[in-house]
């Protein structure tokens, strides 16, 4: 067990000293405005984030503390894809965009759906 660790907790000065001996440093990133974690389906946005970086043996670990807000990601379809599907199938750009949205942006699937 670590000396100084007991039911009362550890003395912060001792804790810093032990971490320094083990080669661990912890720093807070000041003035963080926003943290965004992007996944294919959703963005997790922290507008009130506190970010701490812990470096142990050359590896950085980031800790984000705040209130997360889940924002669904909207599928963005490039205009070039819409024009290509419209040209290949002879439909309007509006119909091509709708087919691409239904196909989650998959060009081949949209073209096949409009061709059948």
PDB file of N, CA and C in Angstrom:
ATOM      1  N   UNK A   1       0.831  -1.180   0.000  1.00  0.00           N
ATOM      2  CA  UNK A   1       0.000   0.000   0.000  1.00  0.00           C
ATOM      3  C   UNK A   1       0.875   1.242   0.000  1.00  0.00           C
ATOM      4  N   UNK A   2       0.333   2.365  -0.369  1.00  0.00           N
ATOM      5  CA  UNK A   2       1.079   3.615  -0.395  1.00  0.00           C
ATOM      6  C   UNK A   2       1.066   4.258   0.985  1.00  0.00           C
ATOM      7  N   UNK A   3       2.208   4.768   1.410  1.00  0.00           N
ATOM      8  CA  UNK A   3       2.201   5.452   2.698  1.00  0.00           C
ATOM      9  C   UNK A   3       1.368   6.725   2.622  1.00  0.00           C
ATOM     10  N   UNK A   4       0.681   6.998   3.680  1.00  0.00           N
ATOM     11  CA  UNK A   4      -0.121   8.211   3.722  1.00  0.00           C
ATOM     12  C   UNK A   4      -1.512   8.026   3.167  1.00  0.00           C
ATOM     13  N   UNK A   5      -1.798   6.825   2.629  1.00  0.00           N
ATOM     14  CA  UNK A   5      -3.129   6.564   2.096  1.00  0.00           C
ATOM     15  C   UNK A   5      -3.906   5.837   3.171  1.00  0.00           C
ATOM     16  N   UNK A   6      -5.006   6.372   3.554  1.00  0.00           N
ATOM     17  CA  UNK A   6      -5.819   5.758   4.585  1.00  0.00           C
ATOM     18  C   UNK A   6      -7.231   6.251   4.455  1.00  0.00           C
ATOM     19  N   UNK A   7      -7.984   6.103   5.501  1.00  0.00           N
ATOM     20  CA  UNK A   7      -9.363   6.521   5.482  1.00  0.00           C
ATOM     21  C   UNK A   7      -9.508   8.025   5.330  1.00  0.00           C
ATOM     22  N   UNK A   8      -8.486   8.775   5.660  1.00  0.00           N
ATOM     23  CA  UNK A   8      -8.554  10.228   5.598  1.00  0.00           C
ATOM     24  C   UNK A   8      -8.215  10.758   4.212  1.00  0.00           C
ATOM     25  N   UNK A   9      -7.725   9.920   3.314  1.00  0.00           N
ATOM     26  CA  UNK A   9      -7.279  10.393   2.014  1.00  0.00           C
ATOM     27  C   UNK A   9      -5.798  10.677   2.051  1.00  0.00           C
ATOM     28  N   UNK A  10      -5.271  11.121   0.938  1.00  0.00           N
ATOM     29  CA  UNK A  10      -3.843  11.360   0.843  1.00  0.00           C
ATOM     30  C   UNK A  10      -3.570  12.850   0.842  1.00  0.00           C
ATOM     31  N   UNK A  11      -2.495  13.209   1.459  1.00  0.00           N
ATOM     32  CA  UNK A  11      -2.023  14.575   1.457  1.00  0.00           C
ATOM     33  C   UNK A  11      -1.716  14.974   0.012  1.00  0.00           C
ATOM     34  N   UNK A  12      -2.302  16.047  -0.511  1.00  0.00           N
ATOM     35  CA  UNK A  12      -2.076  16.435  -1.906  1.00  0.00           C
ATOM     36  C   UNK A  12      -0.601  16.637  -2.245  1.00  0.00           C
ATOM     37  N   UNK A  13       0.172  17.162  -1.325  1.00  0.00           N
ATOM     38  CA  UNK A  13       1.595  17.375  -1.588  1.00  0.00           C
ATOM     39  C   UNK A  13       2.313  16.040  -1.755  1.00  0.00           C
ATOM     40  N   UNK A  14       1.960  15.054  -0.896  1.00  0.00           N
ATOM     41  CA  UNK A  14       2.564  13.719  -1.022  1.00  0.00           C
ATOM     42  C   UNK A  14       2.160  13.064  -2.335  1.00  0.00           C
ATOM     43  N   UNK A  15       0.912  13.258  -2.705  1.00  0.00           N
ATOM     44  CA  UNK A  15       0.411  12.678  -3.957  1.00  0.00           C
ATOM     45  C   UNK A  15       1.196  13.230  -5.132  1.00  0.00           C
ATOM     46  N   UNK A  16       1.405  14.550  -5.191  1.00  0.00           N
ATOM     47  CA  UNK A  16       2.181  15.158  -6.276  1.00  0.00           C
ATOM     48  C   UNK A  16       3.603  14.622  -6.298  1.00  0.00           C
ATOM     49  N   UNK A  17       4.196  14.490  -5.114  1.00  0.00           N
ATOM     50  CA  UNK A  17       5.562  13.990  -5.023  1.00  0.00           C
ATOM     51  C   UNK A  17       5.650  12.557  -5.544  1.00  0.00           C
ATOM     52  N   UNK A  18       4.699  11.702  -5.164  1.00  0.00           N
ATOM     53  CA  UNK A  18       4.693  10.313  -5.634  1.00  0.00           C
ATOM     54  C   UNK A  18       4.495  10.255  -7.146  1.00  0.00           C
ATOM     55  N   UNK A  19       3.604  11.069  -7.664  1.00  0.00           N
ATOM     56  CA  UNK A  19       3.354  11.063  -9.108  1.00  0.00           C
ATOM     57  C   UNK A  19       4.599  11.517  -9.862  1.00  0.00           C
ATOM     58  N   UNK A  20       5.293  12.510  -9.335  1.00  0.00           N
ATOM     59  CA  UNK A  20       6.518  12.998  -9.967  1.00  0.00           C
ATOM     60  C   UNK A  20       7.570  11.897  -9.982  1.00  0.00           C
ATOM     61  N   UNK A  21       7.688  11.157  -8.882  1.00  0.00           N
ATOM     62  CA  UNK A  21       8.645  10.056  -8.808  1.00  0.00           C
ATOM     63  C   UNK A  21       8.321   8.967  -9.821  1.00  0.00           C
ATOM     64  N   UNK A  22       7.031   8.749 -10.090  1.00  0.00           N
ATOM     65  CA  UNK A  22       6.617   7.720 -11.051  1.00  0.00           C
ATOM     66  C   UNK A  22       6.613   8.240 -12.484  1.00  0.00           C
ATOM     67  N   UNK A  23       6.962   9.503 -12.684  1.00  0.00           N
ATOM     68  CA  UNK A  23       7.009  10.066 -14.028  1.00  0.00           C
ATOM     69  C   UNK A  23       5.647  10.429 -14.587  1.00  0.00           C
ATOM     70  N   UNK A  24       4.713  10.750 -13.722  1.00  0.00           N
ATOM     71  CA  UNK A  24       3.350  11.109 -14.143  1.00  0.00           C
ATOM     72  C   UNK A  24       3.151  12.599 -13.926  1.00  0.00           C
ATOM     73  N   UNK A  25       2.661  13.280 -14.961  1.00  0.00           N
ATOM     74  CA  UNK A  25       2.336  14.698 -14.810  1.00  0.00           C
ATOM     75  C   UNK A  25       0.889  14.922 -15.234  1.00  0.00           C
ATOM     76  N   UNK A  26       0.237  15.839 -14.548  1.00  0.00           N
ATOM     77  CA  UNK A  26      -1.159  16.175 -14.860  1.00  0.00           C
ATOM     78  C   UNK A  26      -1.249  17.680 -15.045  1.00  0.00           C
ATOM     79  N   UNK A  27      -1.807  18.091 -16.190  1.00  0.00           N
ATOM     80  CA  UNK A  27      -1.971  19.511 -16.491  1.00  0.00           C
ATOM     81  C   UNK A  27      -3.378  19.740 -17.028  1.00  0.00           C
ATOM     82  N   UNK A  28      -3.948  20.900 -16.690  1.00  0.00           N
ATOM     83  CA  UNK A  28      -5.250  21.279 -17.234  1.00  0.00           C
ATOM     84  C   UNK A  28      -5.024  22.159 -18.453  1.00  0.00           C
ATOM     85  N   UNK A  29      -5.837  21.952 -19.487  1.00  0.00           N
ATOM     86  CA  UNK A  29      -5.766  22.793 -20.677  1.00  0.00           C
ATOM     87  C   UNK A  29      -6.651  24.013 -20.409  1.00  0.00           C
ATOM     88  N   UNK A  30      -6.067  25.213 -20.398  1.00  0.00           N
ATOM     89  CA  UNK A  30      -6.861  26.406 -20.074  1.00  0.00           C
ATOM     90  C   UNK A  30      -7.710  26.877 -21.254  1.00  0.00           C
ATOM     91  N   UNK A  31      -8.779  27.564 -20.943  1.00  0.00           N
ATOM     92  CA  UNK A  31      -9.632  28.255 -21.921  1.00  0.00           C
ATOM     93  C   UNK A  31     -10.219  27.345 -22.999  1.00  0.00           C
ATOM     94  N   UNK A  32     -10.603  26.121 -22.634  1.00  0.00           N
ATOM     95  CA  UNK A  32     -11.237  25.218 -23.597  1.00  0.00           C
ATOM     96  C   UNK A  32     -12.622  25.765 -23.911  1.00  0.00           C
ATOM     97  N   UNK A  33     -12.907  25.945 -25.190  1.00  0.00           N
ATOM     98  CA  UNK A  33     -14.208  26.480 -25.595  1.00  0.00           C
ATOM     99  C   UNK A  33     -15.216  25.377 -25.871  1.00  0.00           C
ATOM    100  N   UNK A  34     -14.746  24.278 -26.482  1.00  0.00           N
ATOM    101  CA  UNK A  34     -15.675  23.220 -26.849  1.00  0.00           C
ATOM    102  C   UNK A  34     -14.887  21.954 -27.160  1.00  0.00           C
ATOM    103  N   UNK A  35     -15.480  20.793 -26.826  1.00  0.00           N
ATOM    104  CA  UNK A  35     -14.910  19.498 -27.190  1.00  0.00           C
ATOM    105  C   UNK A  35     -15.994  18.749 -27.945  1.00  0.00           C
ATOM    106  N   UNK A  36     -15.632  18.185 -29.109  1.00  0.00           N
ATOM    107  CA  UNK A  36     -16.592  17.440 -29.914  1.00  0.00           C
ATOM    108  C   UNK A  36     -16.028  16.047 -30.166  1.00  0.00           C
ATOM    109  N   UNK A  37     -16.820  15.035 -29.851  1.00  0.00           N
ATOM    110  CA  UNK A  37     -16.474  13.653 -30.171  1.00  0.00           C
ATOM    111  C   UNK A  37     -17.402  13.253 -31.308  1.00  0.00           C
ATOM    112  N   UNK A  38     -16.821  12.914 -32.450  1.00  0.00           N
ATOM    113  CA  UNK A  38     -17.627  12.577 -33.633  1.00  0.00           C
ATOM    114  C   UNK A  38     -17.685  11.064 -33.829  1.00  0.00           C
ATOM    115  N   UNK A  39     -18.903  10.556 -34.032  1.00  0.00           N
ATOM    116  CA  UNK A  39     -19.117   9.171 -34.412  1.00  0.00           C
ATOM    117  C   UNK A  39     -19.904   9.197 -35.722  1.00  0.00           C
ATOM    118  N   UNK A  40     -20.057   8.075 -36.388  1.00  0.00           N
ATOM    119  CA  UNK A  40     -20.805   8.101 -37.653  1.00  0.00           C
ATOM    120  C   UNK A  40     -22.247   8.592 -37.518  1.00  0.00           C
ATOM    121  N   UNK A  41     -22.862   8.377 -36.352  1.00  0.00           N
ATOM    122  CA  UNK A  41     -24.275   8.709 -36.191  1.00  0.00           C
ATOM    123  C   UNK A  41     -24.551   9.967 -35.378  1.00  0.00           C
ATOM    124  N   UNK A  42     -23.635  10.329 -34.482  1.00  0.00           N
ATOM    125  CA  UNK A  42     -23.922  11.406 -33.536  1.00  0.00           C
ATOM    126  C   UNK A  42     -22.637  12.152 -33.187  1.00  0.00           C
ATOM    127  N   UNK A  43     -22.771  13.433 -32.891  1.00  0.00           N
ATOM    128  CA  UNK A  43     -21.678  14.221 -32.325  1.00  0.00           C
ATOM    129  C   UNK A  43     -21.993  14.397 -30.842  1.00  0.00           C
ATOM    130  N   UNK A  44     -20.991  14.171 -29.991  1.00  0.00           N
ATOM    131  CA  UNK A  44     -21.148  14.414 -28.566  1.00  0.00           C
ATOM    132  C   UNK A  44     -20.396  15.709 -28.276  1.00  0.00           C
ATOM    133  N   UNK A  45     -21.135  16.755 -27.909  1.00  0.00           N
ATOM    134  CA  UNK A  45     -20.575  18.100 -27.782  1.00  0.00           C
ATOM    135  C   UNK A  45     -20.554  18.513 -26.312  1.00  0.00           C
ATOM    136  N   UNK A  46     -19.377  18.964 -25.860  1.00  0.00           N
ATOM    137  CA  UNK A  46     -19.211  19.518 -24.518  1.00  0.00           C
ATOM    138  C   UNK A  46     -18.929  21.004 -24.693  1.00  0.00           C
ATOM    139  N   UNK A  47     -19.883  21.868 -24.321  1.00  0.00           N
ATOM    140  CA  UNK A  47     -19.681  23.316 -24.428  1.00  0.00           C
ATOM    141  C   UNK A  47     -19.085  23.904 -23.159  1.00  0.00           C
ATOM    142  N   UNK A  48     -19.118  23.145 -22.074  1.00  0.00           N
ATOM    143  CA  UNK A  48     -18.610  23.635 -20.788  1.00  0.00           C
ATOM    144  C   UNK A  48     -17.496  22.728 -20.270  1.00  0.00           C
ATOM    145  N   UNK A  49     -16.623  22.270 -21.162  1.00  0.00           N
ATOM    146  CA  UNK A  49     -15.650  21.238 -20.825  1.00  0.00           C
ATOM    147  C   UNK A  49     -14.456  21.748 -20.031  1.00  0.00           C
ATOM    148  N   UNK A  50     -14.019  20.916 -19.098  1.00  0.00           N
ATOM    149  CA  UNK A  50     -12.726  21.057 -18.443  1.00  0.00           C
ATOM    150  C   UNK A  50     -11.903  19.870 -18.925  1.00  0.00           C
ATOM    151  N   UNK A  51     -10.723  20.124 -19.479  1.00  0.00           N
ATOM    152  CA  UNK A  51      -9.905  19.061 -20.044  1.00  0.00           C
ATOM    153  C   UNK A  51      -8.590  18.984 -19.290  1.00  0.00           C
ATOM    154  N   UNK A  52      -8.271  17.770 -18.853  1.00  0.00           N
ATOM    155  CA  UNK A  52      -7.038  17.504 -18.132  1.00  0.00           C
ATOM    156  C   UNK A  52      -6.227  16.494 -18.931  1.00  0.00           C
ATOM    157  N   UNK A  53      -4.904  16.724 -19.014  1.00  0.00           N
ATOM    158  CA  UNK A  53      -4.011  15.808 -19.722  1.00  0.00           C
ATOM    159  C   UNK A  53      -3.093  15.164 -18.695  1.00  0.00           C
ATOM    160  N   UNK A  54      -3.083  13.833 -18.683  1.00  0.00           N
ATOM    161  CA  UNK A  54      -2.160  13.112 -17.818  1.00  0.00           C
ATOM    162  C   UNK A  54      -1.126  12.434 -18.702  1.00  0.00           C
ATOM    163  N   UNK A  55       0.147  12.691 -18.424  1.00  0.00           N
ATOM    164  CA  UNK A  55       1.223  12.054 -19.169  1.00  0.00           C
ATOM    165  C   UNK A  55       1.896  11.052 -18.251  1.00  0.00           C
ATOM    166  N   UNK A  56       1.857   9.787 -18.652  1.00  0.00           N
ATOM    167  CA  UNK A  56       2.504   8.719 -17.895  1.00  0.00           C
ATOM    168  C   UNK A  56       3.338   7.903 -18.871  1.00  0.00           C
ATOM    169  N   UNK A  57       4.637   7.884 -18.667  1.00  0.00           N
ATOM    170  CA  UNK A  57       5.565   7.108 -19.486  1.00  0.00           C
ATOM    171  C   UNK A  57       5.427   7.453 -20.962  1.00  0.00           C
ATOM    172  N   UNK A  58       5.262   8.727 -21.250  1.00  0.00           N
ATOM    173  CA  UNK A  58       5.229   9.196 -22.630  1.00  0.00           C
ATOM    174  C   UNK A  58       3.884   9.104 -23.328  1.00  0.00           C
ATOM    175  N   UNK A  59       2.873   8.553 -22.662  1.00  0.00           N
ATOM    176  CA  UNK A  59       1.542   8.443 -23.269  1.00  0.00           C
ATOM    177  C   UNK A  59       0.616   9.465 -22.631  1.00  0.00           C
ATOM    178  N   UNK A  60      -0.087  10.228 -23.472  1.00  0.00           N
ATOM    179  CA  UNK A  60      -1.033  11.231 -22.987  1.00  0.00           C
ATOM    180  C   UNK A  60      -2.428  10.629 -22.890  1.00  0.00           C
ATOM    181  N   UNK A  61      -3.096  10.896 -21.774  1.00  0.00           N
ATOM    182  CA  UNK A  61      -4.490  10.508 -21.583  1.00  0.00           C
ATOM    183  C   UNK A  61      -5.276  11.784 -21.301  1.00  0.00           C
ATOM    184  N   UNK A  62      -6.355  11.985 -22.060  1.00  0.00           N
ATOM    185  CA  UNK A  62      -7.174  13.184 -21.912  1.00  0.00           C
ATOM    186  C   UNK A  62      -8.443  12.827 -21.141  1.00  0.00           C
ATOM    187  N   UNK A  63      -8.771  13.660 -20.164  1.00  0.00           N
ATOM    188  CA  UNK A  63     -10.004  13.497 -19.408  1.00  0.00           C
ATOM    189  C   UNK A  63     -10.872  14.726 -19.662  1.00  0.00           C
ATOM    190  N   UNK A  64     -12.107  14.477 -20.123  1.00  0.00           N
ATOM    191  CA  UNK A  64     -13.041  15.556 -20.416  1.00  0.00           C
ATOM    192  C   UNK A  64     -14.156  15.499 -19.383  1.00  0.00           C
ATOM    193  N   UNK A  65     -14.376  16.618 -18.693  1.00  0.00           N
ATOM    194  CA  UNK A  65     -15.439  16.704 -17.700  1.00  0.00           C
ATOM    195  C   UNK A  65     -16.357  17.852 -18.111  1.00  0.00           C
ATOM    196  N   UNK A  66     -17.643  17.567 -18.178  1.00  0.00           N
ATOM    197  CA  UNK A  66     -18.609  18.588 -18.556  1.00  0.00           C
ATOM    198  C   UNK A  66     -19.958  17.950 -18.816  1.00  0.00           C
ATOM    199  N   UNK A  67     -20.845  18.714 -19.399  1.00  0.00           N
ATOM    200  CA  UNK A  67     -22.192  18.236 -19.702  1.00  0.00           C
ATOM    201  C   UNK A  67     -22.277  17.909 -21.191  1.00  0.00           C
ATOM    202  N   UNK A  68     -22.399  16.616 -21.544  1.00  0.00           N
ATOM    203  CA  UNK A  68     -22.457  16.261 -22.960  1.00  0.00           C
ATOM    204  C   UNK A  68     -23.840  16.509 -23.558  1.00  0.00           C
ATOM    205  N   UNK A  69     -23.837  16.889 -24.809  1.00  0.00           N
ATOM    206  CA  UNK A  69     -25.081  17.054 -25.569  1.00  0.00           C
ATOM    207  C   UNK A  69     -24.930  16.220 -26.834  1.00  0.00           C
ATOM    208  N   UNK A  70     -25.854  15.291 -27.046  1.00  0.00           N
ATOM    209  CA  UNK A  70     -25.798  14.446 -28.244  1.00  0.00           C
ATOM    210  C   UNK A  70     -26.543  15.131 -29.376  1.00  0.00           C
ATOM    211  N   UNK A  71     -25.846  15.305 -30.492  1.00  0.00           N
ATOM    212  CA  UNK A  71     -26.418  15.967 -31.663  1.00  0.00           C
ATOM    213  C   UNK A  71     -26.358  14.976 -32.819  1.00  0.00           C
ATOM    214  N   UNK A  72     -27.519  14.551 -33.347  1.00  0.00           N
ATOM    215  CA  UNK A  72     -27.496  13.616 -34.477  1.00  0.00           C
ATOM    216  C   UNK A  72     -26.777  14.233 -35.670  1.00  0.00           C
ATOM    217  N   UNK A  73     -25.983  13.418 -36.368  1.00  0.00           N
ATOM    218  CA  UNK A  73     -25.262  13.921 -37.536  1.00  0.00           C
ATOM    219  C   UNK A  73     -26.159  13.840 -38.756  1.00  0.00           C
ATOM    220  N   UNK A  74     -26.148  14.902 -39.514  1.00  0.00           N
ATOM    221  CA  UNK A  74     -26.927  14.963 -40.747  1.00  0.00           C
ATOM    222  C   UNK A  74     -26.041  14.504 -41.890  1.00  0.00           C
ATOM    223  N   UNK A  75     -26.589  13.645 -42.720  1.00  0.00           N
ATOM    224  CA  UNK A  75     -25.861  13.156 -43.872  1.00  0.00           C
ATOM    225  C   UNK A  75     -25.650  14.301 -44.862  1.00  0.00           C
ATOM    226  N   UNK A  76     -24.393  14.554 -45.193  1.00  0.00           N
ATOM    227  CA  UNK A  76     -24.083  15.605 -46.159  1.00  0.00           C
ATOM    228  C   UNK A  76     -23.777  14.950 -47.509  1.00  0.00           C
ATOM    229  N   UNK A  77     -24.555  15.319 -48.514  1.00  0.00           N
ATOM    230  CA  UNK A  77     -24.390  14.746 -49.846  1.00  0.00           C
ATOM    231  C   UNK A  77     -23.843  15.825 -50.765  1.00  0.00           C
ATOM    232  N   UNK A  78     -22.655  15.590 -51.321  1.00  0.00           N
ATOM    233  CA  UNK A  78     -22.052  16.588 -52.218  1.00  0.00           C
ATOM    234  C   UNK A  78     -22.898  16.796 -53.477  1.00  0.00           C
ATOM    235  N   UNK A  79     -22.928  18.042 -53.964  1.00  0.00           N
ATOM    236  CA  UNK A  79     -23.680  18.365 -55.182  1.00  0.00           C
ATOM    237  C   UNK A  79     -23.183  17.562 -56.378  1.00  0.00           C
ATOM    238  N   UNK A  80     -21.874  17.265 -56.410  1.00  0.00           N
ATOM    239  CA  UNK A  80     -21.326  16.467 -57.516  1.00  0.00           C
ATOM    240  C   UNK A  80     -21.951  15.073 -57.547  1.00  0.00           C
ATOM    241  N   UNK A  81     -22.193  14.491 -56.367  1.00  0.00           N
ATOM    242  CA  UNK A  81     -22.836  13.167 -56.307  1.00  0.00           C
ATOM    243  C   UNK A  81     -24.270  13.247 -56.813  1.00  0.00           C
ATOM    244  N   UNK A  82     -24.966  14.326 -56.447  1.00  0.00           N
ATOM    245  CA  UNK A  82     -26.357  14.500 -56.893  1.00  0.00           C
ATOM    246  C   UNK A  82     -26.396  14.607 -58.417  1.00  0.00           C
ATOM    247  N   UNK A  83     -25.491  15.424 -58.980  1.00  0.00           N
ATOM    248  CA  UNK A  83     -25.462  15.588 -60.443  1.00  0.00           C
ATOM    249  C   UNK A  83     -25.126  14.276 -61.148  1.00  0.00           C
ATOM    250  N   UNK A  84     -24.183  13.524 -60.590  1.00  0.00           N
ATOM    251  CA  UNK A  84     -23.786  12.250 -61.206  1.00  0.00           C
ATOM    252  C   UNK A  84     -24.961  11.280 -61.242  1.00  0.00           C
ATOM    253  N   UNK A  85     -25.671  11.146 -60.119  1.00  0.00           N
ATOM    254  CA  UNK A  85     -26.823  10.229 -60.066  1.00  0.00           C
ATOM    255  C   UNK A  85     -27.912  10.707 -61.017  1.00  0.00           C
ATOM    256  N   UNK A  86     -28.161  12.010 -61.078  1.00  0.00           N
ATOM    257  CA  UNK A  86     -29.181  12.553 -61.980  1.00  0.00           C
ATOM    258  C   UNK A  86     -28.815  12.268 -63.440  1.00  0.00           C
ATOM    259  N   UNK A  87     -27.527  12.474 -63.789  1.00  0.00           N
ATOM    260  CA  UNK A  87     -27.079  12.224 -65.165  1.00  0.00           C
ATOM    261  C   UNK A  87     -27.168  10.748 -65.530  1.00  0.00           C
ATOM    262  N   UNK A  88     -26.787   9.887 -64.606  1.00  0.00           N
ATOM    263  CA  UNK A  88     -26.762   8.443 -64.880  1.00  0.00           C
ATOM    264  C   UNK A  88     -28.170   7.850 -64.993  1.00  0.00           C
ATOM    265  N   UNK A  89     -29.133   8.465 -64.325  1.00  0.00           N
ATOM    266  CA  UNK A  89     -30.481   7.876 -64.289  1.00  0.00           C
ATOM    267  C   UNK A  89     -31.522   8.685 -65.048  1.00  0.00           C
ATOM    268  N   UNK A  90     -31.191   9.908 -65.428  1.00  0.00           N
ATOM    269  CA  UNK A  90     -32.134  10.735 -66.171  1.00  0.00           C
ATOM    270  C   UNK A  90     -33.243  11.331 -65.316  1.00  0.00           C
ATOM    271  N   UNK A  91     -33.038  11.420 -64.009  1.00  0.00           N
ATOM    272  CA  UNK A  91     -34.048  12.006 -63.125  1.00  0.00           C
ATOM    273  C   UNK A  91     -33.613  13.420 -62.740  1.00  0.00           C
ATOM    274  N   UNK A  92     -34.507  14.134 -62.075  1.00  0.00           N
ATOM    275  CA  UNK A  92     -34.163  15.488 -61.618  1.00  0.00           C
ATOM    276  C   UNK A  92     -33.164  15.414 -60.462  1.00  0.00           C
ATOM    277  N   UNK A  93     -32.517  16.549 -60.201  1.00  0.00           N
ATOM    278  CA  UNK A  93     -31.560  16.583 -59.091  1.00  0.00           C
ATOM    279  C   UNK A  93     -32.267  16.373 -57.752  1.00  0.00           C
ATOM    280  N   UNK A  94     -33.498  16.838 -57.627  1.00  0.00           N
ATOM    281  CA  UNK A  94     -34.257  16.639 -56.387  1.00  0.00           C
ATOM    282  C   UNK A  94     -34.504  15.150 -56.145  1.00  0.00           C
ATOM    283  N   UNK A  95     -34.885  14.431 -57.218  1.00  0.00           N
ATOM    284  CA  UNK A  95     -35.105  12.991 -57.084  1.00  0.00           C
ATOM    285  C   UNK A  95     -33.796  12.264 -56.788  1.00  0.00           C
ATOM    286  N   UNK A  96     -32.722  12.713 -57.418  1.00  0.00           N
ATOM    287  CA  UNK A  96     -31.412  12.093 -57.194  1.00  0.00           C
ATOM    288  C   UNK A  96     -30.975  12.305 -55.741  1.00  0.00           C
ATOM    289  N   UNK A  97     -31.169  13.515 -55.222  1.00  0.00           N
ATOM    290  CA  UNK A  97     -30.792  13.796 -53.828  1.00  0.00           C
ATOM    291  C   UNK A  97     -31.596  12.917 -52.872  1.00  0.00           C
ATOM    292  N   UNK A  98     -32.903  12.778 -53.138  1.00  0.00           N
ATOM    293  CA  UNK A  98     -33.756  11.951 -52.280  1.00  0.00           C
ATOM    294  C   UNK A  98     -33.286  10.497 -52.293  1.00  0.00           C
ATOM    295  N   UNK A  99     -32.931   9.991 -53.473  1.00  0.00           N
ATOM    296  CA  UNK A  99     -32.444   8.610 -53.579  1.00  0.00           C
ATOM    297  C   UNK A  99     -31.122   8.439 -52.834  1.00  0.00           C
ATOM    298  N   UNK A 100     -30.245   9.433 -52.927  1.00  0.00           N
ATOM    299  CA  UNK A 100     -28.967   9.368 -52.207  1.00  0.00           C
ATOM    300  C   UNK A 100     -29.185   9.403 -50.688  1.00  0.00           C
ATOM    301  N   UNK A 101     -30.123  10.206 -50.232  1.00  0.00           N
ATOM    302  CA  UNK A 101     -30.423  10.257 -48.794  1.00  0.00           C
ATOM    303  C   UNK A 101     -30.944   8.909 -48.308  1.00  0.00           C
ATOM    304  N   UNK A 102     -31.823   8.289 -49.112  1.00  0.00           N
ATOM    305  CA  UNK A 102     -32.366   6.985 -48.734  1.00  0.00           C
ATOM    306  C   UNK A 102     -31.290   5.901 -48.766  1.00  0.00           C
ATOM    307  N   UNK A 103     -30.260   6.085 -49.602  1.00  0.00           N
ATOM    308  CA  UNK A 103     -29.165   5.120 -49.721  1.00  0.00           C
ATOM    309  C   UNK A 103     -27.987   5.490 -48.824  1.00  0.00           C
ATOM    310  N   UNK A 104     -28.186   6.440 -47.908  1.00  0.00           N
ATOM    311  CA  UNK A 104     -27.120   6.903 -47.013  1.00  0.00           C
ATOM    312  C   UNK A 104     -25.878   7.346 -47.777  1.00  0.00           C
ATOM    313  N   UNK A 105     -26.096   7.997 -48.927  1.00  0.00           N
ATOM    314  CA  UNK A 105     -24.991   8.551 -49.698  1.00  0.00           C
ATOM    315  C   UNK A 105     -24.311   7.569 -50.626  1.00  0.00           C
ATOM    316  N   UNK A 106     -24.763   6.329 -50.669  1.00  0.00           N
ATOM    317  CA  UNK A 106     -24.157   5.303 -51.528  1.00  0.00           C
ATOM    318  C   UNK A 106     -24.592   5.537 -52.979  1.00  0.00           C
ATOM    319  N   UNK A 107     -23.629   5.936 -53.822  1.00  0.00           N
ATOM    320  CA  UNK A 107     -23.931   6.259 -55.223  1.00  0.00           C
ATOM    321  C   UNK A 107     -24.521   5.073 -55.987  1.00  0.00           C
ATOM    322  N   UNK A 108     -23.864   3.929 -55.881  1.00  0.00           N
ATOM    323  CA  UNK A 108     -24.310   2.767 -56.635  1.00  0.00           C
ATOM    324  C   UNK A 108     -25.710   2.339 -56.222  1.00  0.00           C
ATOM    325  N   UNK A 109     -25.969   2.354 -54.935  1.00  0.00           N
ATOM    326  CA  UNK A 109     -27.294   1.960 -54.446  1.00  0.00           C
ATOM    327  C   UNK A 109     -28.370   2.924 -54.934  1.00  0.00           C
ATOM    328  N   UNK A 110     -28.057   4.229 -54.922  1.00  0.00           N
ATOM    329  CA  UNK A 110     -29.021   5.228 -55.397  1.00  0.00           C
ATOM    330  C   UNK A 110     -29.306   5.052 -56.877  1.00  0.00           C
ATOM    331  N   UNK A 111     -28.259   4.824 -57.657  1.00  0.00           N
ATOM    332  CA  UNK A 111     -28.441   4.644 -59.114  1.00  0.00           C
ATOM    333  C   UNK A 111     -29.265   3.383 -59.388  1.00  0.00           C
ATOM    334  N   UNK A 112     -28.956   2.301 -58.682  1.00  0.00           N
ATOM    335  CA  UNK A 112     -29.713   1.064 -58.885  1.00  0.00           C
ATOM    336  C   UNK A 112     -31.185   1.251 -58.506  1.00  0.00           C
ATOM    337  N   UNK A 113     -31.440   1.958 -57.419  1.00  0.00           N
ATOM    338  CA  UNK A 113     -32.818   2.176 -56.970  1.00  0.00           C
ATOM    339  C   UNK A 113     -33.604   2.976 -57.999  1.00  0.00           C
ATOM    340  N   UNK A 114     -32.957   3.967 -58.617  1.00  0.00           N
ATOM    341  CA  UNK A 114     -33.650   4.803 -59.601  1.00  0.00           C
ATOM    342  C   UNK A 114     -33.753   4.123 -60.962  1.00  0.00           C
ATOM    343  N   UNK A 115     -32.905   3.162 -61.230  1.00  0.00           N
ATOM    344  CA  UNK A 115     -32.899   2.487 -62.530  1.00  0.00           C
ATOM    345  C   UNK A 115     -33.890   1.352 -62.609  1.00  0.00           C
ATOM    346  N   UNK A 116     -34.336   0.874 -61.471  1.00  0.00           N
ATOM    347  CA  UNK A 116     -35.246  -0.294 -61.510  1.00  0.00           C
ATOM    348  C   UNK A 116     -36.687   0.081 -61.554  1.00  0.00           C
TER     349      UNK A 116
END
